[in-house]
Structures are given as structure tokens and as C-alpha cells.
Amino acid sequence: MLEDIAALTQFDLTEIDIRSNPAIFDKYRYRIPVILIESEENILEGRIEFRDLAKAFQLR
């Protein structure tokens, strides 16, 4: 889905392996996948639908 979004808008992607940081692992381990867009106020997690991802990127 992120590849489809990339065709519509430009963004920087940072992938984080939560296993490399115990604090991040504890916070997100039951919520993956997790997508944060600019801040934790704009977060998608679990079963992410394309329409929700597009909305978060303000594309629809």
C-alpha cells in the first residue's frame, strides 16, 4: 500500500525494527504493523485499510 501512496505523493519512510529497542518493543509489540505519519497523533496500526492510509496522507 505504501508503494501505491508513493505514486500519489512524496514521503520519507523510516523503517524501525522494534526488536532492536526494548522500549519501542514494549510499546508496539501487540500493535504491529504501525504507521506514524509525522506524529503519534496520526497513527495507523493493525489491519490497515488503503482508504485509511490515503486519508492519513490527506489524499482523500
PDB file of N, CA and C in Angstrom:
ATOM      1  N   MET A   1       0.813  -1.192   0.000  1.00  0.00           N
ATOM      2  CA  MET A   1       0.000   0.000   0.000  1.00  0.00           C
ATOM      3  C   MET A   1       0.858   1.259   0.000  1.00  0.00           C
ATOM      4  N   LEU A   2       1.977   1.198   0.698  1.00  0.00           N
ATOM      5  CA  LEU A   2       2.841   2.376   0.726  1.00  0.00           C
ATOM      6  C   LEU A   2       3.409   2.686  -0.653  1.00  0.00           C
ATOM      7  N   GLU A   3       3.637   1.662  -1.457  1.00  0.00           N
ATOM      8  CA  GLU A   3       4.091   1.896  -2.830  1.00  0.00           C
ATOM      9  C   GLU A   3       3.001   2.613  -3.633  1.00  0.00           C
ATOM     10  N   ASP A   4       1.748   2.256  -3.418  1.00  0.00           N
ATOM     11  CA  ASP A   4       0.637   2.940  -4.094  1.00  0.00           C
ATOM     12  C   ASP A   4       0.540   4.396  -3.638  1.00  0.00           C
ATOM     13  N   ILE A   5       0.740   4.642  -2.361  1.00  0.00           N
ATOM     14  CA  ILE A   5       0.716   6.010  -1.829  1.00  0.00           C
ATOM     15  C   ILE A   5       1.889   6.798  -2.410  1.00  0.00           C
ATOM     16  N   ALA A   6       3.052   6.157  -2.543  1.00  0.00           N
ATOM     17  CA  ALA A   6       4.235   6.833  -3.091  1.00  0.00           C
ATOM     18  C   ALA A   6       4.012   7.295  -4.520  1.00  0.00           C
ATOM     19  N   ALA A   7       3.138   6.622  -5.250  1.00  0.00           N
ATOM     20  CA  ALA A   7       2.819   7.050  -6.619  1.00  0.00           C
ATOM     21  C   ALA A   7       1.981   8.327  -6.619  1.00  0.00           C
ATOM     22  N   LEU A   8       1.362   8.638  -5.475  1.00  0.00           N
ATOM     23  CA  LEU A   8       0.479   9.796  -5.373  1.00  0.00           C
ATOM     24  C   LEU A   8       1.096  10.984  -4.657  1.00  0.00           C
ATOM     25  N   THR A   9       2.053  10.714  -3.783  1.00  0.00           N
ATOM     26  CA  THR A   9       2.661  11.795  -3.003  1.00  0.00           C
ATOM     27  C   THR A   9       4.060  11.377  -2.561  1.00  0.00           C
ATOM     28  N   GLN A  10       4.887  12.347  -2.269  1.00  0.00           N
ATOM     29  CA  GLN A  10       6.248  12.072  -1.834  1.00  0.00           C
ATOM     30  C   GLN A  10       6.298  12.025  -0.317  1.00  0.00           C
ATOM     31  N   PHE A  11       7.040  11.073   0.217  1.00  0.00           N
ATOM     32  CA  PHE A  11       7.237  10.996   1.661  1.00  0.00           C
ATOM     33  C   PHE A  11       8.534  10.270   1.947  1.00  0.00           C
ATOM     34  N   ASP A  12       9.049  10.473   3.134  1.00  0.00           N
ATOM     35  CA  ASP A  12      10.240   9.765   3.585  1.00  0.00           C
ATOM     36  C   ASP A  12       9.785   8.625   4.485  1.00  0.00           C
ATOM     37  N   LEU A  13      10.310   7.458   4.248  1.00  0.00           N
ATOM     38  CA  LEU A  13       9.944   6.277   5.016  1.00  0.00           C
ATOM     39  C   LEU A  13      11.112   5.875   5.902  1.00  0.00           C
ATOM     40  N   THR A  14      10.832   5.685   7.172  1.00  0.00           N
ATOM     41  CA  THR A  14      11.827   5.181   8.107  1.00  0.00           C
ATOM     42  C   THR A  14      11.276   3.894   8.695  1.00  0.00           C
ATOM     43  N   GLU A  15      11.952   2.799   8.429  1.00  0.00           N
ATOM     44  CA  GLU A  15      11.539   1.520   8.989  1.00  0.00           C
ATOM     45  C   GLU A  15      12.303   1.284  10.282  1.00  0.00           C
ATOM     46  N   ILE A  16      11.596   0.828  11.292  1.00  0.00           N
ATOM     47  CA  ILE A  16      12.220   0.569  12.589  1.00  0.00           C
ATOM     48  C   ILE A  16      11.931  -0.876  12.987  1.00  0.00           C
ATOM     49  N   ASP A  17      12.982  -1.610  13.269  1.00  0.00           N
ATOM     50  CA  ASP A  17      12.840  -2.964  13.792  1.00  0.00           C
ATOM     51  C   ASP A  17      12.624  -2.840  15.293  1.00  0.00           C
ATOM     52  N   ILE A  18      11.406  -3.069  15.740  1.00  0.00           N
ATOM     53  CA  ILE A  18      11.094  -2.836  17.150  1.00  0.00           C
ATOM     54  C   ILE A  18      11.869  -3.762  18.089  1.00  0.00           C
ATOM     55  N   ARG A  19      12.394  -4.847  17.556  1.00  0.00           N
ATOM     56  CA  ARG A  19      13.170  -5.763  18.401  1.00  0.00           C
ATOM     57  C   ARG A  19      14.501  -5.178  18.822  1.00  0.00           C
ATOM     58  N   SER A  20      14.935  -4.105  18.156  1.00  0.00           N
ATOM     59  CA  SER A  20      16.241  -3.516  18.479  1.00  0.00           C
ATOM     60  C   SER A  20      16.182  -2.521  19.632  1.00  0.00           C
ATOM     61  N   ASN A  21      14.983  -2.204  20.109  1.00  0.00           N
ATOM     62  CA  ASN A  21      14.829  -1.224  21.179  1.00  0.00           C
ATOM     63  C   ASN A  21      13.752  -1.719  22.147  1.00  0.00           C
ATOM     64  N   PRO A  22      14.128  -2.097  23.368  1.00  0.00           N
ATOM     65  CA  PRO A  22      13.151  -2.655  24.312  1.00  0.00           C
ATOM     66  C   PRO A  22      11.961  -1.725  24.602  1.00  0.00           C
ATOM     67  N   ALA A  23      12.188  -0.440  24.682  1.00  0.00           N
ATOM     68  CA  ALA A  23      11.091   0.492  24.973  1.00  0.00           C
ATOM     69  C   ALA A  23      10.086   0.538  23.822  1.00  0.00           C
ATOM     70  N   ILE A  24      10.600   0.588  22.596  1.00  0.00           N
ATOM     71  CA  ILE A  24       9.723   0.598  21.423  1.00  0.00           C
ATOM     72  C   ILE A  24       9.017  -0.752  21.295  1.00  0.00           C
ATOM     73  N   PHE A  25       9.744  -1.829  21.563  1.00  0.00           N
ATOM     74  CA  PHE A  25       9.150  -3.162  21.509  1.00  0.00           C
ATOM     75  C   PHE A  25       7.980  -3.268  22.480  1.00  0.00           C
ATOM     76  N   ASP A  26       8.175  -2.827  23.713  1.00  0.00           N
ATOM     77  CA  ASP A  26       7.100  -2.884  24.708  1.00  0.00           C
ATOM     78  C   ASP A  26       5.894  -2.050  24.295  1.00  0.00           C
ATOM     79  N   LYS A  27       6.135  -0.932  23.660  1.00  0.00           N
ATOM     80  CA  LYS A  27       5.051  -0.025  23.273  1.00  0.00           C
ATOM     81  C   LYS A  27       4.220  -0.566  22.099  1.00  0.00           C
ATOM     82  N   TYR A  28       4.887  -1.174  21.115  1.00  0.00           N
ATOM     83  CA  TYR A  28       4.203  -1.532  19.871  1.00  0.00           C
ATOM     84  C   TYR A  28       4.050  -3.022  19.597  1.00  0.00           C
ATOM     85  N   ARG A  29       4.581  -3.888  20.402  1.00  0.00           N
ATOM     86  CA  ARG A  29       4.648  -5.304  20.069  1.00  0.00           C
ATOM     87  C   ARG A  29       3.315  -5.953  19.737  1.00  0.00           C
ATOM     88  N   TYR A  30       2.230  -5.512  20.311  1.00  0.00           N
ATOM     89  CA  TYR A  30       0.917  -6.094  20.021  1.00  0.00           C
ATOM     90  C   TYR A  30       0.129  -5.266  19.018  1.00  0.00           C
ATOM     91  N   ARG A  31       0.746  -4.223  18.472  1.00  0.00           N
ATOM     92  CA  ARG A  31       0.025  -3.296  17.600  1.00  0.00           C
ATOM     93  C   ARG A  31       0.542  -3.306  16.159  1.00  0.00           C
ATOM     94  N   ILE A  32       1.582  -4.078  15.841  1.00  0.00           N
ATOM     95  CA  ILE A  32       2.188  -4.026  14.517  1.00  0.00           C
ATOM     96  C   ILE A  32       1.265  -4.611  13.457  1.00  0.00           C
ATOM     97  N   PRO A  33       1.328  -4.140  12.242  1.00  0.00           N
ATOM     98  CA  PRO A  33       2.188  -3.042  11.805  1.00  0.00           C
ATOM     99  C   PRO A  33       1.663  -1.706  12.329  1.00  0.00           C
ATOM    100  N   VAL A  34       2.577  -0.772  12.471  1.00  0.00           N
ATOM    101  CA  VAL A  34       2.243   0.571  12.938  1.00  0.00           C
ATOM    102  C   VAL A  34       2.835   1.572  11.949  1.00  0.00           C
ATOM    103  N   ILE A  35       2.021   2.538  11.552  1.00  0.00           N
ATOM    104  CA  ILE A  35       2.495   3.617  10.681  1.00  0.00           C
ATOM    105  C   ILE A  35       2.211   4.932  11.391  1.00  0.00           C
ATOM    106  N   LEU A  36       3.274   5.679  11.655  1.00  0.00           N
ATOM    107  CA  LEU A  36       3.160   7.020  12.230  1.00  0.00           C
ATOM    108  C   LEU A  36       3.398   8.010  11.105  1.00  0.00           C
ATOM    109  N   ILE A  37       2.504   8.958  10.963  1.00  0.00           N
ATOM    110  CA  ILE A  37       2.663   9.968   9.927  1.00  0.00           C
ATOM    111  C   ILE A  37       2.853  11.313  10.611  1.00  0.00           C
ATOM    112  N   GLU A  38       4.103  11.743  10.652  1.00  0.00           N
ATOM    113  CA  GLU A  38       4.554  13.000  11.230  1.00  0.00           C
ATOM    114  C   GLU A  38       4.487  13.056  12.743  1.00  0.00           C
ATOM    115  N   SER A  39       3.566  12.360  13.374  1.00  0.00           N
ATOM    116  CA  SER A  39       3.490  12.398  14.831  1.00  0.00           C
ATOM    117  C   SER A  39       2.657  11.233  15.333  1.00  0.00           C
ATOM    118  N   GLU A  40       2.690  11.006  16.626  1.00  0.00           N
ATOM    119  CA  GLU A  40       1.901   9.916  17.184  1.00  0.00           C
ATOM    120  C   GLU A  40       0.411  10.231  17.204  1.00  0.00           C
ATOM    121  N   GLU A  41       0.024  11.452  16.913  1.00  0.00           N
ATOM    122  CA  GLU A  41      -1.396  11.771  16.832  1.00  0.00           C
ATOM    123  C   GLU A  41      -1.996  11.218  15.540  1.00  0.00           C
ATOM    124  N   ASN A  42      -1.179  11.000  14.543  1.00  0.00           N
ATOM    125  CA  ASN A  42      -1.625  10.482  13.251  1.00  0.00           C
ATOM    126  C   ASN A  42      -1.028   9.085  13.086  1.00  0.00           C
ATOM    127  N   ILE A  43      -1.707   8.088  13.655  1.00  0.00           N
ATOM    128  CA  ILE A  43      -1.170   6.729  13.714  1.00  0.00           C
ATOM    129  C   ILE A  43      -2.179   5.742  13.137  1.00  0.00           C
ATOM    130  N   LEU A  44      -1.651   4.787  12.405  1.00  0.00           N
ATOM    131  CA  LEU A  44      -2.436   3.666  11.900  1.00  0.00           C
ATOM    132  C   LEU A  44      -1.772   2.402  12.417  1.00  0.00           C
ATOM    133  N   GLU A  45      -2.572   1.419  12.782  1.00  0.00           N
ATOM    134  CA  GLU A  45      -1.985   0.203  13.317  1.00  0.00           C
ATOM    135  C   GLU A  45      -2.882  -0.997  13.050  1.00  0.00           C
ATOM    136  N   GLY A  46      -2.282  -2.176  13.173  1.00  0.00           N
ATOM    137  CA  GLY A  46      -3.042  -3.406  12.983  1.00  0.00           C
ATOM    138  C   GLY A  46      -3.425  -3.615  11.525  1.00  0.00           C
ATOM    139  N   ARG A  47      -4.671  -3.967  11.287  1.00  0.00           N
ATOM    140  CA  ARG A  47      -5.165  -4.181   9.919  1.00  0.00           C
ATOM    141  C   ARG A  47      -5.449  -2.823   9.298  1.00  0.00           C
ATOM    142  N   ILE A  48      -4.560  -2.370   8.454  1.00  0.00           N
ATOM    143  CA  ILE A  48      -4.650  -1.034   7.866  1.00  0.00           C
ATOM    144  C   ILE A  48      -5.307  -1.128   6.497  1.00  0.00           C
ATOM    145  N   GLU A  49      -6.340  -0.353   6.291  1.00  0.00           N
ATOM    146  CA  GLU A  49      -7.046  -0.285   5.017  1.00  0.00           C
ATOM    147  C   GLU A  49      -6.449   0.841   4.173  1.00  0.00           C
ATOM    148  N   PHE A  50      -6.447   0.657   2.849  1.00  0.00           N
ATOM    149  CA  PHE A  50      -5.890   1.674   1.961  1.00  0.00           C
ATOM    150  C   PHE A  50      -6.590   3.009   2.140  1.00  0.00           C
ATOM    151  N   ARG A  51      -7.903   3.011   2.274  1.00  0.00           N
ATOM    152  CA  ARG A  51      -8.640   4.277   2.414  1.00  0.00           C
ATOM    153  C   ARG A  51      -8.212   5.038   3.671  1.00  0.00           C
ATOM    154  N   ASP A  52      -7.902   4.315   4.736  1.00  0.00           N
ATOM    155  CA  ASP A  52      -7.441   4.965   5.968  1.00  0.00           C
ATOM    156  C   ASP A  52      -6.031   5.514   5.797  1.00  0.00           C
ATOM    157  N   LEU A  53      -5.199   4.785   5.078  1.00  0.00           N
ATOM    158  CA  LEU A  53      -3.847   5.247   4.813  1.00  0.00           C
ATOM    159  C   LEU A  53      -3.870   6.490   3.923  1.00  0.00           C
ATOM    160  N   ALA A  54      -4.684   6.465   2.878  1.00  0.00           N
ATOM    161  CA  ALA A  54      -4.813   7.631   1.988  1.00  0.00           C
ATOM    162  C   ALA A  54      -5.346   8.836   2.758  1.00  0.00           C
ATOM    163  N   LYS A  55      -6.306   8.612   3.630  1.00  0.00           N
ATOM    164  CA  LYS A  55      -6.857   9.703   4.443  1.00  0.00           C
ATOM    165  C   LYS A  55      -5.776  10.300   5.357  1.00  0.00           C
ATOM    166  N   ALA A  56      -4.958   9.434   5.941  1.00  0.00           N
ATOM    167  CA  ALA A  56      -3.890   9.903   6.820  1.00  0.00           C
ATOM    168  C   ALA A  56      -2.876  10.758   6.063  1.00  0.00           C
ATOM    169  N   PHE A  57      -2.673  10.442   4.795  1.00  0.00           N
ATOM    170  CA  PHE A  57      -1.785  11.232   3.947  1.00  0.00           C
ATOM    171  C   PHE A  57      -2.534  12.395   3.308  1.00  0.00           C
ATOM    172  N   GLN A  58      -3.778  12.573   3.687  1.00  0.00           N
ATOM    173  CA  GLN A  58      -4.648  13.659   3.183  1.00  0.00           C
ATOM    174  C   GLN A  58      -4.789  13.596   1.673  1.00  0.00           C
ATOM    175  N   LEU A  59      -4.941  12.365   1.143  1.00  0.00           N
ATOM    176  CA  LEU A  59      -5.110  12.184  -0.292  1.00  0.00           C
ATOM    177  C   LEU A  59      -6.567  12.010  -0.669  1.00  0.00           C
ATOM    178  N   ARG A  60      -7.413  11.717   0.298  1.00  0.00           N
ATOM    179  CA  ARG A  60      -8.839  11.536   0.034  1.00  0.00           C
ATOM    180  C   ARG A  60      -9.652  12.090   1.158  1.00  0.00           C
TER     181      ARG A  60
END
